[in-house]
């Protein structure tokens, strides 16, 4: 039997809310099978959605995860419960989010990130060195062209002088 997402959410809230109901009580109250209630409970505990997408976690963007963890950090027990309800999360979700944020922070601070940038730095240094070598070779070639032009001009003047002396 298919249940609406809203119905499933309300039943799961009864499993975890301040006035928790057992699976047996919910089964009698709602008429939902024990196996179905058990699956909804597992999905909620594992951070999954109970809105019809079995076994999938609700993925949040990294900034949203950080915001939730930071806001939850300074709350009292009563405020935390209200906050989690407002965000549509369970305590298990918050624990998972905290772990994900912590792992991301540790990964960002690790020296492996610097090591990954080292090949790029080596490539940049190699390219800069090659550019400097080519600029130096270009400057030498330009100097040789200037000298070649001057030599041509010098020898062409000598030839002009020689021809005028023999004629005159």
N, C-alpha and C. Protein backbone atom coordinates (compact mmCIF):
# COMPACT_ATOMS: atom_id res chain seq x y z
N UNK A 1 0.85 -1.19 0.00
CA UNK A 1 0.00 0.00 0.00
C UNK A 1 0.89 1.24 0.00
N UNK A 2 0.52 2.24 -0.78
CA UNK A 2 1.29 3.48 -0.86
C UNK A 2 0.76 4.47 0.17
N UNK A 3 1.71 5.10 0.88
CA UNK A 3 1.35 6.10 1.88
C UNK A 3 1.91 7.45 1.44
N UNK A 4 1.20 8.51 1.76
CA UNK A 4 1.68 9.83 1.38
C UNK A 4 2.92 10.18 2.20
N UNK A 5 3.72 11.07 1.64
CA UNK A 5 4.94 11.49 2.32
C UNK A 5 4.61 12.16 3.65
N UNK A 6 3.58 12.96 3.67
CA UNK A 6 3.19 13.65 4.90
C UNK A 6 2.79 12.67 5.99
N UNK A 7 2.03 11.64 5.60
CA UNK A 7 1.62 10.62 6.56
C UNK A 7 2.84 9.91 7.13
N UNK A 8 3.75 9.53 6.26
CA UNK A 8 4.96 8.84 6.70
C UNK A 8 5.77 9.71 7.65
N UNK A 9 5.90 10.99 7.32
CA UNK A 9 6.65 11.92 8.18
C UNK A 9 6.01 12.00 9.57
N UNK A 10 4.67 12.10 9.61
CA UNK A 10 3.97 12.20 10.91
C UNK A 10 4.18 10.93 11.74
N UNK A 11 4.10 9.78 11.10
CA UNK A 11 4.29 8.52 11.83
C UNK A 11 5.71 8.44 12.37
N UNK A 12 6.69 8.80 11.56
CA UNK A 12 8.09 8.74 12.01
C UNK A 12 8.31 9.75 13.15
N UNK A 13 7.70 10.91 13.06
CA UNK A 13 7.81 11.89 14.15
C UNK A 13 7.30 11.30 15.45
N UNK A 14 6.24 10.50 15.37
CA UNK A 14 5.70 9.85 16.58
C UNK A 14 6.68 8.83 17.13
N UNK A 15 7.50 8.24 16.28
CA UNK A 15 8.50 7.27 16.74
C UNK A 15 9.63 7.95 17.50
N UNK A 16 9.95 9.20 17.13
CA UNK A 16 11.12 9.86 17.68
C UNK A 16 10.80 11.08 18.54
N UNK A 17 9.58 11.55 18.52
CA UNK A 17 9.23 12.77 19.22
C UNK A 17 9.34 12.63 20.73
N UNK A 18 9.05 13.72 21.47
CA UNK A 18 9.16 13.68 22.93
C UNK A 18 8.20 12.68 23.56
N UNK A 19 7.05 12.48 22.95
CA UNK A 19 6.09 11.49 23.44
C UNK A 19 6.12 10.30 22.50
N UNK A 20 7.23 9.58 22.53
CA UNK A 20 7.46 8.49 21.60
C UNK A 20 6.41 7.39 21.74
N UNK A 21 6.10 6.81 20.60
CA UNK A 21 5.20 5.66 20.55
C UNK A 21 5.99 4.46 20.05
N UNK A 22 5.68 3.31 20.57
CA UNK A 22 6.36 2.10 20.11
C UNK A 22 5.81 1.69 18.75
N UNK A 23 6.54 0.79 18.09
CA UNK A 23 6.11 0.30 16.79
C UNK A 23 4.78 -0.42 16.93
N UNK A 24 4.61 -1.17 18.02
CA UNK A 24 3.36 -1.90 18.24
C UNK A 24 2.18 -0.93 18.38
N UNK A 25 2.38 0.15 19.13
CA UNK A 25 1.32 1.15 19.31
C UNK A 25 0.97 1.81 17.98
N UNK A 26 1.99 2.16 17.22
CA UNK A 26 1.76 2.81 15.92
C UNK A 26 1.09 1.86 14.95
N UNK A 27 1.46 0.60 15.02
CA UNK A 27 0.87 -0.39 14.14
C UNK A 27 -0.64 -0.48 14.41
N UNK A 28 -1.00 -0.50 15.69
CA UNK A 28 -2.41 -0.58 16.07
C UNK A 28 -3.15 0.71 15.70
N UNK A 29 -2.47 1.85 15.93
CA UNK A 29 -3.10 3.16 15.70
C UNK A 29 -3.29 3.45 14.20
N UNK A 30 -2.29 3.12 13.38
CA UNK A 30 -2.32 3.52 11.98
C UNK A 30 -2.73 2.41 11.02
N UNK A 31 -2.53 1.17 11.43
CA UNK A 31 -2.83 0.06 10.55
C UNK A 31 -1.69 -0.24 9.58
N UNK A 32 -0.54 0.37 9.78
CA UNK A 32 0.63 0.14 8.93
C UNK A 32 1.34 -1.11 9.43
N UNK A 33 1.82 -1.94 8.53
CA UNK A 33 2.48 -3.19 8.88
C UNK A 33 3.76 -2.94 9.68
N UNK A 34 4.09 -3.91 10.55
CA UNK A 34 5.29 -3.81 11.40
C UNK A 34 6.55 -3.66 10.54
N UNK A 35 6.65 -4.41 9.47
CA UNK A 35 7.84 -4.35 8.61
C UNK A 35 7.99 -2.96 7.99
N UNK A 36 6.88 -2.38 7.58
CA UNK A 36 6.92 -1.04 6.98
C UNK A 36 7.35 -0.01 8.01
N UNK A 37 6.79 -0.08 9.22
CA UNK A 37 7.18 0.86 10.28
C UNK A 37 8.66 0.68 10.63
N UNK A 38 9.09 -0.59 10.67
CA UNK A 38 10.50 -0.85 10.97
C UNK A 38 11.42 -0.26 9.91
N UNK A 39 11.02 -0.38 8.63
CA UNK A 39 11.83 0.19 7.54
C UNK A 39 11.87 1.71 7.64
N UNK A 40 10.72 2.35 7.90
CA UNK A 40 10.69 3.81 8.05
C UNK A 40 11.58 4.25 9.20
N UNK A 41 11.56 3.47 10.28
CA UNK A 41 12.39 3.81 11.46
C UNK A 41 13.87 3.72 11.10
N UNK A 42 14.26 2.61 10.44
CA UNK A 42 15.67 2.45 10.03
C UNK A 42 16.13 3.57 9.10
N UNK A 43 15.28 3.91 8.15
CA UNK A 43 15.62 4.98 7.21
C UNK A 43 15.83 6.30 7.95
N UNK A 44 14.97 6.56 8.93
CA UNK A 44 15.10 7.81 9.68
C UNK A 44 16.38 7.82 10.51
N UNK A 45 16.69 6.69 11.15
CA UNK A 45 17.89 6.60 11.99
C UNK A 45 19.15 6.73 11.13
N UNK A 46 19.12 6.15 9.95
CA UNK A 46 20.29 6.20 9.06
C UNK A 46 20.36 7.48 8.25
N UNK A 47 19.49 8.41 8.52
CA UNK A 47 19.52 9.67 7.81
C UNK A 47 18.81 9.65 6.49
N UNK A 48 18.06 8.60 6.21
CA UNK A 48 17.34 8.51 4.96
C UNK A 48 16.04 9.28 5.01
N UNK A 49 15.49 9.50 3.88
CA UNK A 49 14.22 10.19 3.76
C UNK A 49 13.10 9.19 3.94
N UNK A 50 12.02 9.61 4.57
CA UNK A 50 10.85 8.75 4.69
C UNK A 50 9.76 9.24 3.76
N UNK A 51 10.13 10.00 2.79
CA UNK A 51 9.14 10.58 1.89
C UNK A 51 8.96 9.77 0.62
N UNK A 52 9.29 8.48 0.66
CA UNK A 52 9.02 7.64 -0.49
C UNK A 52 10.24 7.21 -1.25
N UNK A 53 11.39 7.76 -0.97
CA UNK A 53 12.61 7.38 -1.66
C UNK A 53 13.41 6.50 -0.72
N UNK A 54 13.12 5.25 -0.74
CA UNK A 54 13.69 4.30 0.19
C UNK A 54 15.20 4.22 0.05
N UNK A 55 15.89 4.27 1.19
CA UNK A 55 17.32 4.06 1.23
C UNK A 55 18.17 5.23 0.78
N UNK A 56 17.59 6.34 0.40
CA UNK A 56 18.39 7.48 -0.06
C UNK A 56 18.46 8.54 1.02
N UNK A 57 19.63 9.11 1.17
CA UNK A 57 19.79 10.19 2.13
C UNK A 57 19.44 11.51 1.49
N UNK A 58 18.96 12.42 2.32
CA UNK A 58 18.71 13.76 1.83
C UNK A 58 20.05 14.48 1.79
N UNK A 59 20.49 14.83 0.63
CA UNK A 59 21.79 15.47 0.49
C UNK A 59 21.63 16.98 0.58
N UNK A 60 22.48 17.58 1.37
CA UNK A 60 22.46 19.03 1.53
C UNK A 60 23.78 19.60 1.01
N UNK A 61 23.74 20.82 0.50
CA UNK A 61 25.00 21.44 0.05
C UNK A 61 25.93 21.67 1.24
N UNK A 62 27.24 21.71 1.00
CA UNK A 62 28.20 21.88 2.10
C UNK A 62 27.92 23.10 2.98
N UNK A 63 27.57 24.23 2.38
CA UNK A 63 27.31 25.44 3.19
C UNK A 63 26.13 25.22 4.12
N UNK A 64 25.12 24.49 3.65
CA UNK A 64 23.94 24.20 4.46
C UNK A 64 24.32 23.29 5.63
N UNK A 65 25.17 22.30 5.37
CA UNK A 65 25.62 21.40 6.43
C UNK A 65 26.36 22.17 7.52
N UNK A 66 27.25 23.06 7.10
CA UNK A 66 28.01 23.86 8.06
C UNK A 66 27.09 24.75 8.87
N UNK A 67 26.13 25.37 8.20
CA UNK A 67 25.18 26.24 8.90
C UNK A 67 24.43 25.46 9.97
N UNK A 68 23.94 24.30 9.63
CA UNK A 68 23.17 23.49 10.58
C UNK A 68 24.03 23.10 11.77
N UNK A 69 25.24 22.62 11.51
CA UNK A 69 26.12 22.19 12.59
C UNK A 69 26.48 23.37 13.50
N UNK A 70 26.77 24.53 12.90
CA UNK A 70 27.14 25.70 13.69
C UNK A 70 25.97 26.19 14.55
N UNK A 71 24.77 26.24 13.96
CA UNK A 71 23.61 26.70 14.72
C UNK A 71 23.28 25.73 15.85
N UNK A 72 23.40 24.44 15.60
CA UNK A 72 23.06 23.44 16.60
C UNK A 72 24.06 23.41 17.75
N UNK A 73 25.28 23.84 17.49
CA UNK A 73 26.34 23.75 18.49
C UNK A 73 26.03 24.55 19.75
N UNK A 74 25.41 25.69 19.62
CA UNK A 74 25.19 26.55 20.78
C UNK A 74 23.82 26.44 21.41
N UNK A 75 23.04 25.42 21.07
CA UNK A 75 21.67 25.32 21.55
C UNK A 75 21.57 24.39 22.77
N UNK A 76 20.60 24.71 23.64
CA UNK A 76 20.31 23.83 24.76
C UNK A 76 19.53 22.63 24.24
N UNK A 77 19.27 21.66 25.14
CA UNK A 77 18.56 20.44 24.73
C UNK A 77 17.17 20.74 24.17
N UNK A 78 16.42 21.63 24.83
CA UNK A 78 15.07 21.97 24.36
C UNK A 78 15.14 22.73 23.04
N UNK A 79 16.06 23.68 22.95
CA UNK A 79 16.20 24.46 21.73
C UNK A 79 16.65 23.57 20.57
N UNK A 80 17.51 22.60 20.88
CA UNK A 80 18.01 21.69 19.85
C UNK A 80 16.86 20.87 19.26
N UNK A 81 15.98 20.38 20.11
CA UNK A 81 14.83 19.62 19.63
C UNK A 81 13.96 20.44 18.70
N UNK A 82 13.67 21.68 19.10
CA UNK A 82 12.86 22.56 18.26
C UNK A 82 13.58 22.87 16.95
N UNK A 83 14.88 23.10 17.03
CA UNK A 83 15.68 23.38 15.84
C UNK A 83 15.64 22.21 14.86
N UNK A 84 15.83 21.00 15.38
CA UNK A 84 15.82 19.82 14.52
C UNK A 84 14.46 19.62 13.87
N UNK A 85 13.38 19.84 14.62
CA UNK A 85 12.05 19.73 14.02
C UNK A 85 11.85 20.77 12.93
N UNK A 86 12.31 21.99 13.19
CA UNK A 86 12.17 23.06 12.20
C UNK A 86 12.95 22.75 10.92
N UNK A 87 14.10 22.12 11.08
CA UNK A 87 14.94 21.77 9.93
C UNK A 87 14.52 20.45 9.29
N UNK A 88 13.62 19.72 9.95
CA UNK A 88 13.19 18.43 9.42
C UNK A 88 14.25 17.36 9.56
N UNK A 89 15.02 17.43 10.64
CA UNK A 89 16.11 16.49 10.88
C UNK A 89 15.88 15.71 12.15
N UNK A 90 16.62 14.61 12.27
CA UNK A 90 16.64 13.82 13.49
C UNK A 90 18.02 13.95 14.11
N UNK A 91 18.15 13.50 15.34
CA UNK A 91 19.46 13.58 16.00
C UNK A 91 20.51 12.80 15.22
N UNK A 92 20.12 11.68 14.65
CA UNK A 92 21.07 10.88 13.86
C UNK A 92 21.56 11.68 12.65
N UNK A 93 20.68 12.48 12.07
CA UNK A 93 21.09 13.33 10.94
C UNK A 93 22.14 14.33 11.39
N UNK A 94 21.91 14.93 12.55
CA UNK A 94 22.85 15.93 13.06
C UNK A 94 24.21 15.30 13.36
N UNK A 95 24.20 14.11 13.94
CA UNK A 95 25.46 13.41 14.21
C UNK A 95 26.21 13.16 12.91
N UNK A 96 25.48 12.71 11.89
CA UNK A 96 26.10 12.46 10.58
C UNK A 96 26.64 13.74 9.96
N UNK A 97 25.87 14.82 10.05
CA UNK A 97 26.33 16.10 9.49
C UNK A 97 27.58 16.60 10.20
N UNK A 98 27.60 16.47 11.53
CA UNK A 98 28.79 16.88 12.29
C UNK A 98 30.02 16.11 11.81
N UNK A 99 29.85 14.80 11.63
CA UNK A 99 30.96 13.97 11.18
C UNK A 99 31.43 14.38 9.78
N UNK A 100 30.49 14.64 8.88
CA UNK A 100 30.86 15.05 7.52
C UNK A 100 31.60 16.38 7.51
N UNK A 101 31.12 17.33 8.32
CA UNK A 101 31.78 18.64 8.38
C UNK A 101 33.17 18.50 8.97
N UNK A 102 33.31 17.68 10.02
CA UNK A 102 34.62 17.46 10.64
C UNK A 102 35.59 16.82 9.65
N UNK A 103 35.13 15.80 8.94
CA UNK A 103 36.00 15.14 7.95
C UNK A 103 36.41 16.10 6.84
N UNK A 104 35.48 16.92 6.39
CA UNK A 104 35.81 17.89 5.34
C UNK A 104 36.83 18.91 5.83
N UNK A 105 36.67 19.35 7.08
CA UNK A 105 37.62 20.31 7.63
C UNK A 105 39.00 19.70 7.77
N UNK A 106 39.07 18.46 8.25
CA UNK A 106 40.36 17.78 8.38
C UNK A 106 41.01 17.57 7.02
N UNK A 107 40.22 17.20 6.05
CA UNK A 107 40.75 16.99 4.69
C UNK A 107 41.29 18.30 4.11
N UNK A 108 40.59 19.40 4.38
CA UNK A 108 41.02 20.70 3.87
C UNK A 108 42.30 21.18 4.51
N UNK A 109 42.58 20.74 5.74
CA UNK A 109 43.78 21.18 6.44
C UNK A 109 44.97 20.25 6.23
N UNK A 110 44.74 19.11 5.60
CA UNK A 110 45.81 18.13 5.46
C UNK A 110 46.87 18.60 4.47
N UNK A 111 48.12 18.15 4.68
CA UNK A 111 49.21 18.55 3.76
C UNK A 111 49.08 17.93 2.38
N UNK A 112 48.20 16.95 2.21
CA UNK A 112 48.03 16.35 0.89
C UNK A 112 47.55 17.36 -0.12
N UNK A 113 46.78 18.34 0.32
CA UNK A 113 46.29 19.37 -0.59
C UNK A 113 47.48 20.18 -1.12
N UNK A 114 48.44 20.43 -0.25
CA UNK A 114 49.63 21.16 -0.69
C UNK A 114 50.44 20.31 -1.65
N UNK A 115 50.53 19.00 -1.38
CA UNK A 115 51.28 18.11 -2.27
C UNK A 115 50.63 18.05 -3.64
N UNK A 116 49.32 18.13 -3.68
CA UNK A 116 48.62 18.11 -4.96
C UNK A 116 48.95 19.34 -5.78
N UNK A 117 49.24 20.46 -5.12
CA UNK A 117 49.57 21.69 -5.81
C UNK A 117 51.03 21.73 -6.26
N UNK A 118 51.88 20.89 -5.66
CA UNK A 118 53.30 20.89 -6.01
C UNK A 118 53.57 20.61 -7.48
N UNK A 119 52.93 19.63 -8.11
CA UNK A 119 53.19 19.44 -9.55
C UNK A 119 52.84 20.67 -10.37
N UNK A 120 51.79 21.37 -9.98
CA UNK A 120 51.44 22.60 -10.69
C UNK A 120 52.53 23.65 -10.50
N UNK A 121 53.07 23.75 -9.27
CA UNK A 121 54.15 24.70 -9.01
C UNK A 121 55.40 24.33 -9.79
N UNK A 122 55.71 23.04 -9.86
CA UNK A 122 56.88 22.59 -10.62
C UNK A 122 56.71 22.92 -12.10
N UNK A 123 55.52 22.68 -12.62
CA UNK A 123 55.24 22.98 -14.03
C UNK A 123 55.37 24.47 -14.29
N UNK A 124 54.85 25.29 -13.37
CA UNK A 124 54.95 26.74 -13.52
C UNK A 124 56.41 27.19 -13.52
N UNK A 125 57.22 26.65 -12.61
CA UNK A 125 58.65 27.00 -12.56
C UNK A 125 59.35 26.59 -13.85
N UNK A 126 59.01 25.38 -14.36
CA UNK A 126 59.63 24.90 -15.59
C UNK A 126 59.28 25.82 -16.77
N UNK A 127 58.03 26.22 -16.85
CA UNK A 127 57.59 27.09 -17.95
C UNK A 127 58.26 28.46 -17.85
N UNK A 128 58.36 29.00 -16.63
CA UNK A 128 59.02 30.29 -16.44
C UNK A 128 60.50 30.21 -16.84
N UNK A 129 61.15 29.12 -16.47
CA UNK A 129 62.56 28.95 -16.80
C UNK A 129 62.74 28.86 -18.33
N UNK A 130 61.86 28.10 -18.98
CA UNK A 130 61.92 27.98 -20.43
C UNK A 130 61.66 29.33 -21.11
N UNK A 131 60.72 30.10 -20.59
CA UNK A 131 60.42 31.42 -21.14
C UNK A 131 61.64 32.34 -21.01
N UNK A 132 62.30 32.32 -19.86
CA UNK A 132 63.48 33.16 -19.67
C UNK A 132 64.59 32.75 -20.65
N UNK A 133 64.77 31.45 -20.87
CA UNK A 133 65.79 30.97 -21.81
C UNK A 133 65.48 31.44 -23.23
N UNK A 134 64.20 31.36 -23.61
CA UNK A 134 63.82 31.77 -24.96
C UNK A 134 63.93 33.29 -25.13
N UNK A 135 63.61 34.04 -24.09
CA UNK A 135 63.77 35.50 -24.17
C UNK A 135 65.25 35.87 -24.35
N UNK A 136 66.12 35.16 -23.65
CA UNK A 136 67.56 35.41 -23.77
C UNK A 136 68.03 35.08 -25.19
N UNK A 137 67.57 33.95 -25.74
CA UNK A 137 67.96 33.57 -27.11
C UNK A 137 67.43 34.59 -28.12
N UNK A 138 66.23 35.10 -27.90
CA UNK A 138 65.66 36.10 -28.79
C UNK A 138 66.47 37.40 -28.74
N UNK A 139 66.91 37.78 -27.55
CA UNK A 139 67.72 39.00 -27.41
C UNK A 139 69.06 38.82 -28.15
N UNK A 140 69.66 37.64 -28.04
CA UNK A 140 70.92 37.37 -28.75
C UNK A 140 70.70 37.42 -30.26
N UNK A 141 69.61 36.85 -30.73
CA UNK A 141 69.32 36.85 -32.16
C UNK A 141 69.11 38.28 -32.66
N UNK A 142 68.42 39.08 -31.86
CA UNK A 142 68.21 40.48 -32.25
C UNK A 142 69.54 41.22 -32.31
N UNK A 143 70.42 40.97 -31.34
CA UNK A 143 71.74 41.63 -31.34
C UNK A 143 72.55 41.20 -32.57
N UNK A 144 72.48 39.91 -32.94
CA UNK A 144 73.20 39.45 -34.13
C UNK A 144 72.67 40.09 -35.40
N UNK A 145 71.35 40.27 -35.49
CA UNK A 145 70.76 40.93 -36.66
C UNK A 145 71.22 42.38 -36.76
N UNK A 146 71.29 43.04 -35.62
CA UNK A 146 71.75 44.43 -35.63
C UNK A 146 73.21 44.48 -36.09
N UNK A 147 74.04 43.58 -35.56
CA UNK A 147 75.45 43.54 -35.98
C UNK A 147 75.58 43.21 -37.47
N UNK A 148 74.77 42.28 -37.93
CA UNK A 148 74.81 41.90 -39.34
C UNK A 148 74.44 43.10 -40.21
N UNK A 149 73.45 43.85 -39.80
CA UNK A 149 73.06 45.04 -40.55
C UNK A 149 74.18 46.07 -40.58
N UNK A 150 74.85 46.24 -39.44
CA UNK A 150 75.95 47.19 -39.37
C UNK A 150 77.12 46.74 -40.25
N UNK A 151 77.41 45.44 -40.24
CA UNK A 151 78.49 44.93 -41.09
C UNK A 151 78.18 45.15 -42.57
N UNK A 152 76.93 44.88 -42.95
CA UNK A 152 76.55 45.10 -44.35
C UNK A 152 76.71 46.57 -44.70
N UNK A 153 76.28 47.40 -43.83
CA UNK A 153 76.40 48.84 -44.09
C UNK A 153 77.87 49.25 -44.18
N UNK A 154 78.72 48.71 -43.32
CA UNK A 154 80.15 49.05 -43.31
C UNK A 154 80.82 48.60 -44.60
N UNK A 155 80.56 47.35 -44.99
CA UNK A 155 81.21 46.84 -46.19
C UNK A 155 80.65 47.48 -47.45
N UNK A 156 79.42 47.85 -47.45
CA UNK A 156 78.87 48.49 -48.64
C UNK A 156 79.46 49.90 -48.78
N UNK A 157 79.82 50.56 -47.70
CA UNK A 157 80.47 51.87 -47.78
C UNK A 157 81.88 51.73 -48.34
N UNK A 158 82.59 50.65 -47.91
CA UNK A 158 83.94 50.41 -48.39
C UNK A 158 83.93 50.13 -49.90
N UNK A 159 83.00 49.37 -50.36
CA UNK A 159 82.91 49.07 -51.78
C UNK A 159 82.60 50.33 -52.57
N UNK A 160 81.72 51.17 -52.02
CA UNK A 160 81.39 52.42 -52.69
C UNK A 160 82.64 53.29 -52.78
N UNK A 161 83.44 53.34 -51.71
CA UNK A 161 84.65 54.14 -51.71
C UNK A 161 85.66 53.61 -52.70
N UNK A 162 85.82 52.29 -52.80
CA UNK A 162 86.79 51.68 -53.70
C UNK A 162 86.43 51.96 -55.16
N UNK A 163 85.19 51.91 -55.52
CA UNK A 163 84.78 52.12 -56.88
C UNK A 163 84.94 53.56 -57.30
N UNK A 164 84.79 54.47 -56.36
CA UNK A 164 84.94 55.86 -56.72
C UNK A 164 86.39 56.20 -56.93
N UNK A 165 87.30 55.54 -56.22
CA UNK A 165 88.73 55.83 -56.37
C UNK A 165 89.25 55.32 -57.71
N UNK A 166 88.81 54.19 -58.18
CA UNK A 166 89.31 53.66 -59.43
C UNK A 166 88.77 54.43 -60.61
N UNK A 167 87.60 54.99 -60.45
CA UNK A 167 87.03 55.72 -61.55
C UNK A 167 87.67 57.10 -61.67
N UNK A 168 88.04 57.60 -60.60
CA UNK A 168 88.42 58.98 -60.67
C UNK A 168 89.78 59.30 -60.64
